[in-house]
Amino acid sequence: MGRSKGGSGAKNGRDSNPKHLGVKVYGGQAVTAGSIIIKQRGTKIFPGNNVKKAGDDSLFATADGVVLFHERMNRKFASVVTAEEAAKAAAPKAEKPAKKAAAPKAEKAEKPAAAKKTAAKKAAEPKAE
């Protein structure tokens, strides 16, 4: 005999509501300050520049800009690049004046290749006593 005698089959049918986790804004997309970038449990992706972590581990933007995902030291990061930062990166940097070229040093005189080979052969041969 089973544990329960007949009755309804109402033991099944329970499920939790969906949590809607995941990436909400992808790389290259524009965001405004306060926009949620990722909903996550734990820090699978860490906050980078202009991004903070909320109490439920969500990542949100702290400045207007474009989302950038990158990896550093085997960790994934989400950053927001502002228009000013993008302009700085695109601007050519001022070049430093080139140093004077040092005079080439005189190379040591080497033995001819044939002399090297014979010296190597002599060293490899066992001495007869």
N, C-alpha and C. Protein backbone atom coordinates (compact mmCIF):
# COMPACT_ATOMS: atom_id res chain seq x y z
N MET A 1 0.84 -1.17 0.00
CA MET A 1 0.00 0.00 0.00
C MET A 1 0.89 1.24 0.00
N GLY A 2 0.50 2.28 -0.74
CA GLY A 2 1.27 3.51 -0.82
C GLY A 2 1.18 4.32 0.46
N ARG A 3 1.94 5.35 0.50
CA ARG A 3 1.94 6.20 1.70
C ARG A 3 0.64 6.96 1.85
N SER A 4 0.10 7.45 0.73
CA SER A 4 -1.14 8.21 0.82
C SER A 4 -2.26 7.47 0.10
N LYS A 5 -3.39 7.46 0.68
CA LYS A 5 -4.52 6.77 0.07
C LYS A 5 -5.29 7.75 -0.81
N GLY A 6 -5.12 7.64 -2.09
CA GLY A 6 -5.91 8.45 -3.01
C GLY A 6 -5.75 9.94 -2.75
N GLY A 7 -6.78 10.70 -2.93
CA GLY A 7 -6.73 12.14 -2.71
C GLY A 7 -6.34 12.86 -3.99
N SER A 8 -6.19 14.14 -3.88
CA SER A 8 -5.93 14.93 -5.09
C SER A 8 -4.45 14.90 -5.45
N GLY A 9 -4.17 15.31 -6.66
CA GLY A 9 -2.79 15.37 -7.13
C GLY A 9 -2.26 16.78 -7.01
N ALA A 10 -2.61 17.47 -5.95
CA ALA A 10 -2.25 18.89 -5.81
C ALA A 10 -0.89 19.08 -5.14
N LYS A 11 -0.05 18.04 -5.18
CA LYS A 11 1.27 18.18 -4.56
C LYS A 11 2.25 18.88 -5.51
N ASN A 12 1.94 18.93 -6.77
CA ASN A 12 2.81 19.59 -7.74
C ASN A 12 2.29 20.99 -8.04
N GLY A 13 2.94 21.66 -8.97
CA GLY A 13 2.41 22.92 -9.46
C GLY A 13 2.93 24.16 -8.76
N ARG A 14 4.01 24.06 -7.98
CA ARG A 14 4.57 25.24 -7.35
C ARG A 14 5.84 25.63 -8.10
N ASP A 15 6.01 26.90 -8.34
CA ASP A 15 7.21 27.39 -9.01
C ASP A 15 7.40 28.85 -8.61
N SER A 16 8.67 29.30 -8.57
CA SER A 16 8.94 30.68 -8.20
C SER A 16 8.77 31.59 -9.42
N ASN A 17 8.53 32.84 -9.14
CA ASN A 17 8.37 33.81 -10.22
C ASN A 17 9.72 34.09 -10.88
N PRO A 18 9.73 34.45 -12.15
CA PRO A 18 10.99 34.74 -12.83
C PRO A 18 11.66 35.98 -12.25
N LYS A 19 12.98 35.98 -12.21
CA LYS A 19 13.72 37.09 -11.61
C LYS A 19 14.28 38.07 -12.64
N HIS A 20 14.20 37.77 -13.91
CA HIS A 20 14.61 38.66 -15.00
C HIS A 20 16.06 39.10 -14.87
N LEU A 21 16.95 38.14 -14.64
CA LEU A 21 18.37 38.44 -14.50
C LEU A 21 19.02 38.53 -15.87
N GLY A 22 20.21 39.11 -15.91
CA GLY A 22 20.99 39.15 -17.15
C GLY A 22 21.42 40.55 -17.53
N VAL A 23 22.02 40.62 -18.71
CA VAL A 23 22.52 41.90 -19.22
C VAL A 23 21.34 42.68 -19.79
N LYS A 24 21.21 43.93 -19.36
CA LYS A 24 20.12 44.78 -19.83
C LYS A 24 20.58 45.74 -20.91
N VAL A 25 21.85 46.15 -20.87
CA VAL A 25 22.42 47.05 -21.88
C VAL A 25 23.72 46.42 -22.34
N TYR A 26 23.88 46.24 -23.63
CA TYR A 26 25.05 45.55 -24.18
C TYR A 26 26.15 46.54 -24.53
N GLY A 27 27.34 46.01 -24.81
CA GLY A 27 28.50 46.84 -25.15
C GLY A 27 28.23 47.69 -26.38
N GLY A 28 28.63 48.96 -26.33
CA GLY A 28 28.44 49.87 -27.45
C GLY A 28 27.14 50.65 -27.38
N GLN A 29 26.26 50.31 -26.45
CA GLN A 29 24.99 51.02 -26.34
C GLN A 29 25.13 52.18 -25.35
N ALA A 30 24.40 53.24 -25.61
CA ALA A 30 24.45 54.44 -24.77
C ALA A 30 23.59 54.25 -23.53
N VAL A 31 24.05 54.79 -22.39
CA VAL A 31 23.29 54.75 -21.15
C VAL A 31 23.30 56.12 -20.50
N THR A 32 22.31 56.35 -19.65
CA THR A 32 22.28 57.57 -18.85
C THR A 32 22.64 57.19 -17.41
N ALA A 33 23.03 58.17 -16.63
CA ALA A 33 23.39 57.91 -15.23
C ALA A 33 22.20 57.31 -14.50
N GLY A 34 22.46 56.23 -13.76
CA GLY A 34 21.40 55.56 -13.01
C GLY A 34 20.80 54.37 -13.74
N SER A 35 21.13 54.18 -15.01
CA SER A 35 20.58 53.06 -15.77
C SER A 35 21.19 51.75 -15.31
N ILE A 36 20.35 50.72 -15.20
CA ILE A 36 20.85 49.39 -14.83
C ILE A 36 21.48 48.75 -16.06
N ILE A 37 22.69 48.24 -15.87
CA ILE A 37 23.42 47.59 -16.97
C ILE A 37 23.23 46.08 -16.88
N ILE A 38 23.36 45.51 -15.66
CA ILE A 38 23.28 44.06 -15.47
C ILE A 38 22.52 43.77 -14.18
N LYS A 39 21.64 42.78 -14.23
CA LYS A 39 21.02 42.22 -13.03
C LYS A 39 21.67 40.87 -12.82
N GLN A 40 22.24 40.63 -11.63
CA GLN A 40 22.96 39.38 -11.39
C GLN A 40 22.85 38.97 -9.93
N ARG A 41 23.16 37.73 -9.67
CA ARG A 41 23.27 37.21 -8.30
C ARG A 41 24.75 36.95 -8.07
N GLY A 42 25.35 37.64 -7.10
CA GLY A 42 26.79 37.55 -6.92
C GLY A 42 27.46 38.44 -7.95
N THR A 43 28.78 38.58 -7.85
CA THR A 43 29.48 39.43 -8.81
C THR A 43 30.14 38.58 -9.89
N LYS A 44 29.35 38.16 -10.86
CA LYS A 44 29.90 37.47 -12.03
C LYS A 44 30.65 38.49 -12.88
N ILE A 45 30.11 39.69 -12.95
CA ILE A 45 30.75 40.80 -13.66
C ILE A 45 30.96 41.92 -12.65
N PHE A 46 32.16 42.48 -12.63
CA PHE A 46 32.52 43.48 -11.63
C PHE A 46 32.33 44.89 -12.17
N PRO A 47 32.10 45.86 -11.28
CA PRO A 47 31.95 47.24 -11.74
C PRO A 47 33.29 47.84 -12.13
N GLY A 48 33.33 48.54 -13.27
CA GLY A 48 34.53 49.22 -13.73
C GLY A 48 34.38 50.72 -13.56
N ASN A 49 34.94 51.49 -14.51
CA ASN A 49 34.87 52.94 -14.45
C ASN A 49 33.44 53.42 -14.66
N ASN A 50 33.01 54.37 -13.84
CA ASN A 50 31.68 54.98 -13.91
C ASN A 50 30.55 53.97 -13.73
N VAL A 51 30.81 52.89 -12.99
CA VAL A 51 29.79 51.87 -12.71
C VAL A 51 29.88 51.52 -11.23
N LYS A 52 28.72 51.34 -10.59
CA LYS A 52 28.68 50.94 -9.18
C LYS A 52 27.82 49.69 -9.04
N LYS A 53 27.99 49.01 -7.89
CA LYS A 53 27.23 47.80 -7.59
C LYS A 53 26.13 48.12 -6.60
N ALA A 54 24.91 47.70 -6.90
CA ALA A 54 23.77 47.94 -6.01
C ALA A 54 23.73 46.84 -4.94
N GLY A 55 22.82 46.97 -4.00
CA GLY A 55 22.69 46.02 -2.91
C GLY A 55 22.35 44.61 -3.37
N ASP A 56 21.63 44.48 -4.47
CA ASP A 56 21.28 43.15 -4.98
C ASP A 56 22.27 42.70 -6.05
N ASP A 57 23.48 43.27 -6.05
CA ASP A 57 24.59 42.94 -6.98
C ASP A 57 24.35 43.41 -8.40
N SER A 58 23.29 44.19 -8.64
CA SER A 58 23.09 44.77 -9.98
C SER A 58 24.16 45.81 -10.22
N LEU A 59 24.51 46.01 -11.48
CA LEU A 59 25.47 47.06 -11.85
C LEU A 59 24.70 48.19 -12.53
N PHE A 60 25.01 49.43 -12.14
CA PHE A 60 24.34 50.57 -12.74
C PHE A 60 25.35 51.66 -13.08
N ALA A 61 25.00 52.48 -14.07
CA ALA A 61 25.88 53.55 -14.55
C ALA A 61 25.81 54.74 -13.61
N THR A 62 26.97 55.38 -13.38
CA THR A 62 27.01 56.60 -12.58
C THR A 62 27.25 57.83 -13.45
N ALA A 63 27.41 57.63 -14.75
CA ALA A 63 27.62 58.75 -15.68
C ALA A 63 27.00 58.39 -17.02
N ASP A 64 26.69 59.41 -17.81
CA ASP A 64 26.19 59.19 -19.16
C ASP A 64 27.36 58.76 -20.04
N GLY A 65 27.10 57.82 -20.94
CA GLY A 65 28.16 57.39 -21.86
C GLY A 65 27.79 56.11 -22.57
N VAL A 66 28.82 55.38 -22.98
CA VAL A 66 28.65 54.15 -23.75
C VAL A 66 29.21 52.99 -22.92
N VAL A 67 28.48 51.87 -22.90
CA VAL A 67 28.88 50.70 -22.12
C VAL A 67 30.04 49.99 -22.81
N LEU A 68 31.00 49.54 -21.99
CA LEU A 68 32.16 48.81 -22.49
C LEU A 68 32.40 47.62 -21.57
N PHE A 69 32.43 46.42 -22.13
CA PHE A 69 32.76 45.22 -21.37
C PHE A 69 34.20 44.86 -21.68
N HIS A 70 34.98 44.55 -20.63
CA HIS A 70 36.39 44.17 -20.84
C HIS A 70 36.80 43.20 -19.75
N GLU A 71 38.01 42.65 -19.91
CA GLU A 71 38.51 41.66 -18.97
C GLU A 71 39.89 42.10 -18.49
N ARG A 72 40.12 41.93 -17.19
CA ARG A 72 41.41 42.28 -16.60
C ARG A 72 41.68 41.29 -15.48
N MET A 73 42.85 40.68 -15.50
CA MET A 73 43.27 39.72 -14.47
C MET A 73 42.21 38.63 -14.28
N ASN A 74 41.73 38.08 -15.39
CA ASN A 74 40.75 36.99 -15.40
C ASN A 74 39.44 37.35 -14.71
N ARG A 75 39.08 38.62 -14.72
CA ARG A 75 37.78 39.08 -14.22
C ARG A 75 37.10 39.89 -15.30
N LYS A 76 35.80 39.74 -15.40
CA LYS A 76 35.03 40.52 -16.37
C LYS A 76 34.56 41.81 -15.71
N PHE A 77 34.64 42.91 -16.43
CA PHE A 77 34.26 44.21 -15.92
C PHE A 77 33.29 44.87 -16.89
N ALA A 78 32.41 45.70 -16.34
CA ALA A 78 31.54 46.55 -17.14
C ALA A 78 31.89 47.99 -16.79
N SER A 79 32.17 48.80 -17.80
CA SER A 79 32.52 50.21 -17.61
C SER A 79 31.64 51.07 -18.48
N VAL A 80 31.58 52.35 -18.14
CA VAL A 80 30.88 53.33 -18.98
C VAL A 80 31.92 54.36 -19.40
N VAL A 81 32.09 54.52 -20.72
CA VAL A 81 33.04 55.49 -21.26
C VAL A 81 32.27 56.76 -21.60
N THR A 82 32.64 57.86 -20.96
CA THR A 82 31.96 59.12 -21.22
C THR A 82 32.50 59.75 -22.50
N ALA A 83 31.81 60.77 -23.00
CA ALA A 83 32.22 61.44 -24.23
C ALA A 83 33.59 62.10 -24.05
N GLU A 84 33.84 62.67 -22.86
CA GLU A 84 35.13 63.32 -22.62
C GLU A 84 36.27 62.32 -22.62
N GLU A 85 36.04 61.15 -22.01
CA GLU A 85 37.07 60.11 -21.98
C GLU A 85 37.35 59.59 -23.39
N ALA A 86 36.30 59.46 -24.19
CA ALA A 86 36.48 58.98 -25.56
C ALA A 86 37.27 59.99 -26.38
N ALA A 87 37.02 61.30 -26.15
CA ALA A 87 37.74 62.34 -26.87
C ALA A 87 39.22 62.35 -26.49
N LYS A 88 39.49 62.15 -25.19
CA LYS A 88 40.89 62.10 -24.75
C LYS A 88 41.63 60.93 -25.37
N ALA A 89 40.97 59.78 -25.44
CA ALA A 89 41.61 58.58 -26.00
C ALA A 89 41.85 58.75 -27.49
N ALA A 90 40.96 59.46 -28.19
CA ALA A 90 41.09 59.62 -29.63
C ALA A 90 42.13 60.68 -30.00
N ALA A 91 42.35 61.65 -29.12
CA ALA A 91 43.30 62.74 -29.42
C ALA A 91 44.73 62.20 -29.46
N PRO A 92 45.53 62.65 -30.44
CA PRO A 92 46.91 62.17 -30.49
C PRO A 92 47.71 62.76 -29.34
N LYS A 93 48.53 61.93 -28.74
CA LYS A 93 49.34 62.39 -27.62
C LYS A 93 50.55 63.16 -28.13
N ALA A 94 51.00 64.14 -27.35
CA ALA A 94 52.18 64.93 -27.72
C ALA A 94 53.40 64.01 -27.66
N GLU A 95 54.14 64.00 -28.74
CA GLU A 95 55.31 63.12 -28.80
C GLU A 95 56.49 63.77 -28.09
N LYS A 96 57.24 62.94 -27.41
CA LYS A 96 58.45 63.43 -26.75
C LYS A 96 59.55 63.56 -27.79
N PRO A 97 60.49 64.50 -27.60
CA PRO A 97 61.58 64.62 -28.57
C PRO A 97 62.43 63.36 -28.55
N ALA A 98 62.83 62.95 -29.73
CA ALA A 98 63.60 61.71 -29.87
C ALA A 98 64.99 61.90 -29.28
N LYS A 99 65.48 60.85 -28.62
CA LYS A 99 66.82 60.91 -28.06
C LYS A 99 67.84 60.74 -29.18
N LYS A 100 69.03 61.29 -28.95
CA LYS A 100 70.08 61.14 -29.94
C LYS A 100 70.50 59.68 -30.00
N ALA A 101 70.74 59.23 -31.20
CA ALA A 101 71.15 57.84 -31.38
C ALA A 101 72.57 57.66 -30.87
N ALA A 102 72.75 56.62 -30.07
CA ALA A 102 74.09 56.34 -29.53
C ALA A 102 74.95 55.74 -30.64
N ALA A 103 76.23 56.04 -30.57
CA ALA A 103 77.16 55.50 -31.56
C ALA A 103 77.23 53.98 -31.39
N PRO A 104 77.20 53.24 -32.49
CA PRO A 104 77.25 51.78 -32.37
C PRO A 104 78.58 51.35 -31.77
N LYS A 105 78.49 50.39 -30.84
CA LYS A 105 79.69 49.89 -30.20
C LYS A 105 80.42 48.95 -31.15
N ALA A 106 81.74 48.98 -31.04
CA ALA A 106 82.54 48.09 -31.88
C ALA A 106 82.33 46.66 -31.40
N GLU A 107 82.02 45.78 -32.34
CA GLU A 107 81.79 44.39 -31.99
C GLU A 107 83.12 43.69 -31.78
N LYS A 108 83.09 42.72 -30.89
CA LYS A 108 84.31 41.96 -30.61
C LYS A 108 84.69 41.14 -31.84
N ALA A 109 85.98 41.05 -32.05
CA ALA A 109 86.47 40.23 -33.17
C ALA A 109 86.25 38.78 -32.80
N GLU A 110 85.60 38.05 -33.70
CA GLU A 110 85.31 36.66 -33.43
C GLU A 110 86.28 35.77 -34.18
N LYS A 111 86.46 34.57 -33.65
CA LYS A 111 87.31 33.58 -34.32
C LYS A 111 86.61 33.11 -35.58
N PRO A 112 87.34 32.70 -36.56
CA PRO A 112 86.70 32.15 -37.76
C PRO A 112 85.90 30.90 -37.40
N ALA A 113 84.90 30.61 -38.22
CA ALA A 113 84.01 29.49 -37.96
C ALA A 113 84.77 28.17 -37.94
N ALA A 114 85.75 28.01 -38.79
CA ALA A 114 86.51 26.76 -38.86
C ALA A 114 87.27 26.55 -37.54
N ALA A 115 87.81 27.61 -36.95
CA ALA A 115 88.55 27.48 -35.71
C ALA A 115 87.61 27.08 -34.57
N LYS A 116 86.38 27.58 -34.60
CA LYS A 116 85.40 27.23 -33.57
C LYS A 116 85.07 25.74 -33.63
N LYS A 117 84.88 25.22 -34.85
CA LYS A 117 84.52 23.82 -35.01
C LYS A 117 85.62 22.92 -34.50
N THR A 118 86.87 23.23 -34.83
CA THR A 118 87.97 22.36 -34.40
C THR A 118 88.12 22.42 -32.89
N ALA A 119 87.90 23.60 -32.29
CA ALA A 119 87.99 23.72 -30.84
C ALA A 119 86.90 22.90 -30.17
N ALA A 120 85.71 22.87 -30.75
CA ALA A 120 84.61 22.11 -30.20
C ALA A 120 84.88 20.61 -30.30
N LYS A 121 85.46 20.18 -31.42
CA LYS A 121 85.78 18.76 -31.60
C LYS A 121 86.83 18.32 -30.58
N LYS A 122 87.84 19.14 -30.38
CA LYS A 122 88.90 18.79 -29.43
C LYS A 122 88.34 18.66 -28.02
N ALA A 123 87.41 19.55 -27.68
CA ALA A 123 86.82 19.50 -26.33
C ALA A 123 85.95 18.27 -26.15
N ALA A 124 85.33 17.81 -27.25
CA ALA A 124 84.44 16.67 -27.15
C ALA A 124 85.19 15.36 -27.09
N GLU A 125 86.42 15.29 -27.65
CA GLU A 125 87.19 14.04 -27.66
C GLU A 125 87.74 13.74 -26.28
N PRO A 126 87.61 12.49 -25.84
CA PRO A 126 88.20 12.14 -24.55
C PRO A 126 89.72 12.08 -24.67
N LYS A 127 90.39 12.52 -23.61
CA LYS A 127 91.86 12.51 -23.63
C LYS A 127 92.34 11.11 -23.31
N ALA A 128 93.35 10.66 -24.09
CA ALA A 128 93.94 9.35 -23.84
C ALA A 128 95.09 9.53 -22.86
N GLU A 129 95.09 8.71 -21.83
CA GLU A 129 96.16 8.81 -20.83
C GLU A 129 97.04 7.60 -20.86
